[in-house]
Amino acid sequence: RRHHGFEVTLLPVDGTGLVDPERFAAAL
């Protein structure tokens, strides 16, 4: 991000630490 101009999306996890596949798909 700092040196090559990338944008970074931090995908939220639920209270147990799991990633929601639907939210992952929406972030791509």
PDB file of all heavy atoms in Angstrom:
ATOM      1  N   ARG A   1       0.839  -1.208   0.000  1.00  0.00           N
ATOM      2  CA  ARG A   1       0.000   0.000   0.000  1.00  0.00           C
ATOM      3  C   ARG A   1       0.871   1.255   0.000  1.00  0.00           C
ATOM      4  O   ARG A   1       0.633   2.179  -0.796  1.00  0.00           O
ATOM      5  CB  ARG A   1      -0.906  -0.008   1.237  1.00  0.00           C
ATOM      6  CG  ARG A   1      -1.804   1.224   1.368  1.00  0.00           C
ATOM      7  CD  ARG A   1      -2.548   1.244   2.686  1.00  0.00           C
ATOM      8  NE  ARG A   1      -1.635   1.341   3.821  1.00  0.00           N
ATOM      9  CZ  ARG A   1      -1.078   2.477   4.235  1.00  0.00           C
ATOM     10  NH1 ARG A   1      -1.303   3.615   3.591  1.00  0.00           N
ATOM     11  NH2 ARG A   1      -0.254   2.477   5.271  1.00  0.00           N
ATOM     12  N   ARG A   2       1.890   1.282   0.867  1.00  0.00           N
ATOM     13  CA  ARG A   2       2.695   2.492   1.039  1.00  0.00           C
ATOM     14  C   ARG A   2       3.667   2.726  -0.109  1.00  0.00           C
ATOM     15  O   ARG A   2       3.908   3.864  -0.505  1.00  0.00           O
ATOM     16  CB  ARG A   2       3.461   2.424   2.360  1.00  0.00           C
ATOM     17  CG  ARG A   2       2.576   2.575   3.594  1.00  0.00           C
ATOM     18  CD  ARG A   2       3.379   2.566   4.893  1.00  0.00           C
ATOM     19  NE  ARG A   2       3.963   1.263   5.175  1.00  0.00           N
ATOM     20  CZ  ARG A   2       5.258   0.985   5.096  1.00  0.00           C
ATOM     21  NH1 ARG A   2       6.116   1.938   4.726  1.00  0.00           N
ATOM     22  NH2 ARG A   2       5.713  -0.224   5.383  1.00  0.00           N
ATOM     23  N   HIS A   3       4.208   1.658  -0.655  1.00  0.00           N
ATOM     24  CA  HIS A   3       5.293   1.815  -1.621  1.00  0.00           C
ATOM     25  C   HIS A   3       4.895   1.514  -3.062  1.00  0.00           C
ATOM     26  O   HIS A   3       5.629   1.881  -3.988  1.00  0.00           O
ATOM     27  CB  HIS A   3       6.472   0.925  -1.227  1.00  0.00           C
ATOM     28  CG  HIS A   3       7.108   1.315   0.061  1.00  0.00           C
ATOM     29  ND1 HIS A   3       7.946   2.401   0.198  1.00  0.00           N
ATOM     30  CD2 HIS A   3       7.009   0.770   1.303  1.00  0.00           C
ATOM     31  CE1 HIS A   3       8.351   2.508   1.451  1.00  0.00           C
ATOM     32  NE2 HIS A   3       7.798   1.534   2.147  1.00  0.00           N
ATOM     33  N   HIS A   4       3.766   0.864  -3.273  1.00  0.00           N
ATOM     34  CA  HIS A   4       3.378   0.494  -4.627  1.00  0.00           C
ATOM     35  C   HIS A   4       1.944   0.880  -4.960  1.00  0.00           C
ATOM     36  O   HIS A   4       1.429   0.460  -6.002  1.00  0.00           O
ATOM     37  CB  HIS A   4       3.580  -1.008  -4.842  1.00  0.00           C
ATOM     38  CG  HIS A   4       5.033  -1.417  -4.781  1.00  0.00           C
ATOM     39  ND1 HIS A   4       5.883  -1.303  -5.866  1.00  0.00           N
ATOM     40  CD2 HIS A   4       5.775  -1.905  -3.760  1.00  0.00           C
ATOM     41  CE1 HIS A   4       7.097  -1.733  -5.517  1.00  0.00           C
ATOM     42  NE2 HIS A   4       7.054  -2.095  -4.241  1.00  0.00           N
ATOM     43  N   GLY A   5       1.296   1.651  -4.116  1.00  0.00           N
ATOM     44  CA  GLY A   5      -0.018   2.198  -4.438  1.00  0.00           C
ATOM     45  C   GLY A   5      -1.165   1.220  -4.397  1.00  0.00           C
ATOM     46  O   GLY A   5      -2.222   1.484  -4.993  1.00  0.00           O
ATOM     47  N   PHE A   6      -1.007   0.086  -3.700  1.00  0.00           N
ATOM     48  CA  PHE A   6      -2.102  -0.872  -3.606  1.00  0.00           C
ATOM     49  C   PHE A   6      -3.168  -0.382  -2.630  1.00  0.00           C
ATOM     50  O   PHE A   6      -2.865   0.286  -1.638  1.00  0.00           O
ATOM     51  CB  PHE A   6      -1.591  -2.243  -3.151  1.00  0.00           C
ATOM     52  CG  PHE A   6      -0.982  -3.066  -4.246  1.00  0.00           C
ATOM     53  CD1 PHE A   6       0.309  -2.806  -4.698  1.00  0.00           C
ATOM     54  CD2 PHE A   6      -1.696  -4.099  -4.824  1.00  0.00           C
ATOM     55  CE1 PHE A   6       0.875  -3.560  -5.706  1.00  0.00           C
ATOM     56  CE2 PHE A   6      -1.141  -4.866  -5.837  1.00  0.00           C
ATOM     57  CZ  PHE A   6       0.143  -4.599  -6.284  1.00  0.00           C
ATOM     58  N   GLU A   7      -4.406  -0.740  -2.891  1.00  0.00           N
ATOM     59  CA  GLU A   7      -5.499  -0.544  -1.951  1.00  0.00           C
ATOM     60  C   GLU A   7      -5.747  -1.879  -1.258  1.00  0.00           C
ATOM     61  O   GLU A   7      -5.764  -2.926  -1.905  1.00  0.00           O
ATOM     62  CB  GLU A   7      -6.765  -0.094  -2.696  1.00  0.00           C
ATOM     63  CG  GLU A   7      -7.960   0.147  -1.788  1.00  0.00           C
ATOM     64  CD  GLU A   7      -9.215   0.488  -2.573  1.00  0.00           C
ATOM     65  OE1 GLU A   7      -9.122   0.697  -3.804  1.00  0.00           O
ATOM     66  OE2 GLU A   7     -10.296   0.496  -1.956  1.00  0.00           O
ATOM     67  N   VAL A   8      -5.923  -1.846   0.050  1.00  0.00           N
ATOM     68  CA  VAL A   8      -6.088  -3.070   0.826  1.00  0.00           C
ATOM     69  C   VAL A   8      -7.458  -3.086   1.479  1.00  0.00           C
ATOM     70  O   VAL A   8      -7.819  -2.153   2.204  1.00  0.00           O
ATOM     71  CB  VAL A   8      -4.995  -3.198   1.912  1.00  0.00           C
ATOM     72  CG1 VAL A   8      -5.188  -4.499   2.700  1.00  0.00           C
ATOM     73  CG2 VAL A   8      -3.604  -3.150   1.294  1.00  0.00           C
ATOM     74  N   THR A   9      -8.222  -4.132   1.218  1.00  0.00           N
ATOM     75  CA  THR A   9      -9.503  -4.338   1.888  1.00  0.00           C
ATOM     76  C   THR A   9      -9.313  -5.373   2.992  1.00  0.00           C
ATOM     77  O   THR A   9      -8.895  -6.502   2.726  1.00  0.00           O
ATOM     78  CB  THR A   9     -10.576  -4.838   0.907  1.00  0.00           C
ATOM     79  OG1 THR A   9     -10.857  -3.816  -0.049  1.00  0.00           O
ATOM     80  CG2 THR A   9     -11.862  -5.197   1.646  1.00  0.00           C
ATOM     81  N   LEU A  10      -9.595  -4.962   4.242  1.00  0.00           N
ATOM     82  CA  LEU A  10      -9.571  -5.888   5.371  1.00  0.00           C
ATOM     83  C   LEU A  10     -10.980  -6.412   5.569  1.00  0.00           C
ATOM     84  O   LEU A  10     -11.872  -5.699   6.026  1.00  0.00           O
ATOM     85  CB  LEU A  10      -9.076  -5.185   6.635  1.00  0.00           C
ATOM     86  CG  LEU A  10      -7.598  -4.784   6.654  1.00  0.00           C
ATOM     87  CD1 LEU A  10      -7.267  -4.061   7.951  1.00  0.00           C
ATOM     88  CD2 LEU A  10      -6.696  -6.005   6.478  1.00  0.00           C
ATOM     89  N   LEU A  11     -11.171  -7.664   5.216  1.00  0.00           N
ATOM     90  CA  LEU A  11     -12.492  -8.279   5.258  1.00  0.00           C
ATOM     91  C   LEU A  11     -12.863  -8.621   6.693  1.00  0.00           C
ATOM     92  O   LEU A  11     -12.149  -9.390   7.350  1.00  0.00           O
ATOM     93  CB  LEU A  11     -12.467  -9.547   4.396  1.00  0.00           C
ATOM     94  CG  LEU A  11     -13.789 -10.258   4.143  1.00  0.00           C
ATOM     95  CD1 LEU A  11     -14.706  -9.391   3.307  1.00  0.00           C
ATOM     96  CD2 LEU A  11     -13.516 -11.587   3.450  1.00  0.00           C
ATOM     97  N   PRO A  12     -13.952  -8.086   7.236  1.00  0.00           N
ATOM     98  CA  PRO A  12     -14.303  -8.383   8.636  1.00  0.00           C
ATOM     99  C   PRO A  12     -14.578  -9.876   8.839  1.00  0.00           C
ATOM    100  O   PRO A  12     -15.017 -10.576   7.927  1.00  0.00           O
ATOM    101  CB  PRO A  12     -15.581  -7.559   8.858  1.00  0.00           C
ATOM    102  CG  PRO A  12     -15.570  -6.515   7.787  1.00  0.00           C
ATOM    103  CD  PRO A  12     -14.890  -7.137   6.612  1.00  0.00           C
ATOM    104  N   VAL A  13     -14.307 -10.332  10.057  1.00  0.00           N
ATOM    105  CA  VAL A  13     -14.638 -11.700  10.461  1.00  0.00           C
ATOM    106  C   VAL A  13     -15.718 -11.630  11.543  1.00  0.00           C
ATOM    107  O   VAL A  13     -15.958 -10.580  12.133  1.00  0.00           O
ATOM    108  CB  VAL A  13     -13.397 -12.440  10.999  1.00  0.00           C
ATOM    109  CG1 VAL A  13     -12.362 -12.605   9.901  1.00  0.00           C
ATOM    110  CG2 VAL A  13     -12.793 -11.695  12.190  1.00  0.00           C
ATOM    111  N   ASP A  14     -16.384 -12.761  11.789  1.00  0.00           N
ATOM    112  CA  ASP A  14     -17.403 -12.760  12.842  1.00  0.00           C
ATOM    113  C   ASP A  14     -16.747 -12.946  14.211  1.00  0.00           C
ATOM    114  O   ASP A  14     -15.520 -12.977  14.338  1.00  0.00           O
ATOM    115  CB  ASP A  14     -18.485 -13.806  12.563  1.00  0.00           C
ATOM    116  CG  ASP A  14     -17.991 -15.247  12.663  1.00  0.00           C
ATOM    117  OD1 ASP A  14     -16.893 -15.490  13.228  1.00  0.00           O
ATOM    118  OD2 ASP A  14     -18.709 -16.151  12.204  1.00  0.00           O
ATOM    119  N   GLY A  15     -17.558 -13.076  15.243  1.00  0.00           N
ATOM    120  CA  GLY A  15     -17.045 -13.169  16.595  1.00  0.00           C
ATOM    121  C   GLY A  15     -16.238 -14.402  16.888  1.00  0.00           C
ATOM    122  O   GLY A  15     -15.550 -14.469  17.915  1.00  0.00           O
ATOM    123  N   THR A  16     -16.278 -15.381  16.004  1.00  0.00           N
ATOM    124  CA  THR A  16     -15.466 -16.590  16.169  1.00  0.00           C
ATOM    125  C   THR A  16     -14.231 -16.574  15.276  1.00  0.00           C
ATOM    126  O   THR A  16     -13.436 -17.511  15.312  1.00  0.00           O
ATOM    127  CB  THR A  16     -16.286 -17.852  15.845  1.00  0.00           C
ATOM    128  OG1 THR A  16     -16.572 -17.892  14.436  1.00  0.00           O
ATOM    129  CG2 THR A  16     -17.590 -17.880  16.630  1.00  0.00           C
ATOM    130  N   GLY A  17     -14.102 -15.538  14.449  1.00  0.00           N
ATOM    131  CA  GLY A  17     -12.960 -15.434  13.553  1.00  0.00           C
ATOM    132  C   GLY A  17     -13.179 -15.983  12.167  1.00  0.00           C
ATOM    133  O   GLY A  17     -12.249 -16.017  11.351  1.00  0.00           O
ATOM    134  N   LEU A  18     -14.418 -16.386  11.845  1.00  0.00           N
ATOM    135  CA  LEU A  18     -14.686 -16.958  10.528  1.00  0.00           C
ATOM    136  C   LEU A  18     -14.951 -15.880   9.477  1.00  0.00           C
ATOM    137  O   LEU A  18     -15.577 -14.848   9.760  1.00  0.00           O
ATOM    138  CB  LEU A  18     -15.887 -17.899  10.584  1.00  0.00           C
ATOM    139  CG  LEU A  18     -15.651 -19.303  11.140  1.00  0.00           C
ATOM    140  CD1 LEU A  18     -16.958 -20.074  11.190  1.00  0.00           C
ATOM    141  CD2 LEU A  18     -14.617 -20.065  10.306  1.00  0.00           C
ATOM    142  N   VAL A  19     -14.508 -16.161   8.267  1.00  0.00           N
ATOM    143  CA  VAL A  19     -14.805 -15.320   7.104  1.00  0.00           C
ATOM    144  C   VAL A  19     -16.092 -15.815   6.460  1.00  0.00           C
ATOM    145  O   VAL A  19     -16.267 -17.018   6.256  1.00  0.00           O
ATOM    146  CB  VAL A  19     -13.650 -15.381   6.085  1.00  0.00           C
ATOM    147  CG1 VAL A  19     -14.024 -14.677   4.789  1.00  0.00           C
ATOM    148  CG2 VAL A  19     -12.383 -14.776   6.673  1.00  0.00           C
ATOM    149  N   ASP A  20     -16.966 -14.904   6.126  1.00  0.00           N
ATOM    150  CA  ASP A  20     -18.209 -15.234   5.425  1.00  0.00           C
ATOM    151  C   ASP A  20     -17.913 -15.293   3.923  1.00  0.00           C
ATOM    152  O   ASP A  20     -17.498 -14.288   3.336  1.00  0.00           O
ATOM    153  CB  ASP A  20     -19.261 -14.161   5.715  1.00  0.00           C
ATOM    154  CG  ASP A  20     -20.596 -14.433   5.030  1.00  0.00           C
ATOM    155  OD1 ASP A  20     -20.658 -15.334   4.173  1.00  0.00           O
ATOM    156  OD2 ASP A  20     -21.566 -13.722   5.338  1.00  0.00           O
ATOM    157  N   PRO A  21     -18.104 -16.440   3.262  1.00  0.00           N
ATOM    158  CA  PRO A  21     -17.809 -16.538   1.830  1.00  0.00           C
ATOM    159  C   PRO A  21     -18.562 -15.515   0.981  1.00  0.00           C
ATOM    160  O   PRO A  21     -18.028 -15.038  -0.028  1.00  0.00           O
ATOM    161  CB  PRO A  21     -18.226 -17.975   1.480  1.00  0.00           C
ATOM    162  CG  PRO A  21     -18.045 -18.727   2.763  1.00  0.00           C
ATOM    163  CD  PRO A  21     -18.468 -17.757   3.830  1.00  0.00           C
ATOM    164  N   GLU A  22     -19.785 -15.170   1.359  1.00  0.00           N
ATOM    165  CA  GLU A  22     -20.541 -14.182   0.588  1.00  0.00           C
ATOM    166  C   GLU A  22     -19.908 -12.802   0.704  1.00  0.00           C
ATOM    167  O   GLU A  22     -19.834 -12.057  -0.281  1.00  0.00           O
ATOM    168  CB  GLU A  22     -21.996 -14.157   1.050  1.00  0.00           C
ATOM    169  CG  GLU A  22     -22.771 -15.427   0.696  1.00  0.00           C
ATOM    170  CD  GLU A  22     -24.243 -15.316   1.051  1.00  0.00           C
ATOM    171  OE1 GLU A  22     -24.674 -14.228   1.517  1.00  0.00           O
ATOM    172  OE2 GLU A  22     -24.969 -16.316   0.866  1.00  0.00           O
ATOM    173  N   ARG A  23     -19.474 -12.442   1.897  1.00  0.00           N
ATOM    174  CA  ARG A  23     -18.802 -11.152   2.064  1.00  0.00           C
ATOM    175  C   ARG A  23     -17.462 -11.147   1.332  1.00  0.00           C
ATOM    176  O   ARG A  23     -17.034 -10.119   0.801  1.00  0.00           O
ATOM    177  CB  ARG A  23     -18.591 -10.851   3.546  1.00  0.00           C
ATOM    178  CG  ARG A  23     -19.882 -10.681   4.329  1.00  0.00           C
ATOM    179  CD  ARG A  23     -19.644 -10.202   5.737  1.00  0.00           C
ATOM    180  NE  ARG A  23     -19.299  -8.778   5.782  1.00  0.00           N
ATOM    181  CZ  ARG A  23     -19.271  -8.068   6.895  1.00  0.00           C
ATOM    182  NH1 ARG A  23     -19.556  -8.638   8.057  1.00  0.00           N
ATOM    183  NH2 ARG A  23     -18.940  -6.797   6.862  1.00  0.00           N
ATOM    184  N   PHE A  24     -16.805 -12.297   1.313  1.00  0.00           N
ATOM    185  CA  PHE A  24     -15.551 -12.411   0.573  1.00  0.00           C
ATOM    186  C   PHE A  24     -15.799 -12.182  -0.909  1.00  0.00           C
ATOM    187  O   PHE A  24     -15.076 -11.415  -1.567  1.00  0.00           O
ATOM    188  CB  PHE A  24     -14.947 -13.786   0.821  1.00  0.00           C
ATOM    189  CG  PHE A  24     -13.673 -14.060   0.074  1.00  0.00           C
ATOM    190  CD1 PHE A  24     -12.598 -13.188   0.132  1.00  0.00           C
ATOM    191  CD2 PHE A  24     -13.541 -15.208  -0.701  1.00  0.00           C
ATOM    192  CE1 PHE A  24     -11.415 -13.442  -0.544  1.00  0.00           C
ATOM    193  CE2 PHE A  24     -12.371 -15.474  -1.386  1.00  0.00           C
ATOM    194  CZ  PHE A  24     -11.307 -14.597  -1.315  1.00  0.00           C
ATOM    195  N   ALA A  25     -16.833 -12.815  -1.440  1.00  0.00           N
ATOM    196  CA  ALA A  25     -17.164 -12.645  -2.859  1.00  0.00           C
ATOM    197  C   ALA A  25     -17.456 -11.188  -3.174  1.00  0.00           C
ATOM    198  O   ALA A  25     -17.030 -10.661  -4.223  1.00  0.00           O
ATOM    199  CB  ALA A  25     -18.360 -13.517  -3.223  1.00  0.00           C
ATOM    200  N   ALA A  26     -18.177 -10.516  -2.286  1.00  0.00           N
ATOM    201  CA  ALA A  26     -18.533  -9.112  -2.517  1.00  0.00           C
ATOM    202  C   ALA A  26     -17.313  -8.199  -2.475  1.00  0.00           C
ATOM    203  O   ALA A  26     -17.319  -7.124  -3.085  1.00  0.00           O
ATOM    204  CB  ALA A  26     -19.563  -8.667  -1.477  1.00  0.00           C
ATOM    205  N   ALA A  27     -16.265  -8.611  -1.767  1.00  0.00           N
ATOM    206  CA  ALA A  27     -15.075  -7.772  -1.634  1.00  0.00           C
ATOM    207  C   ALA A  27     -14.153  -7.862  -2.846  1.00  0.00           C
ATOM    208  O   ALA A  27     -13.319  -6.977  -3.070  1.00  0.00           O
ATOM    209  CB  ALA A  27     -14.299  -8.159  -0.385  1.00  0.00           C
ATOM    210  N   LEU A  28     -14.291  -8.916  -3.652  1.00  0.00           N
ATOM    211  CA  LEU A  28     -13.424  -9.108  -4.814  1.00  0.00           C
ATOM    212  C   LEU A  28     -13.878  -8.213  -5.965  1.00  0.00           C
ATOM    213  O   LEU A  28     -15.069  -8.079  -6.230  1.00  0.00           O
ATOM    214  CB  LEU A  28     -13.435 -10.577  -5.241  1.00  0.00           C
ATOM    215  CG  LEU A  28     -12.976 -11.577  -4.178  1.00  0.00           C
ATOM    216  CD1 LEU A  28     -13.105 -13.003  -4.685  1.00  0.00           C
ATOM    217  CD2 LEU A  28     -11.538 -11.288  -3.738  1.00  0.00           C
TER     218      LEU A  28
END
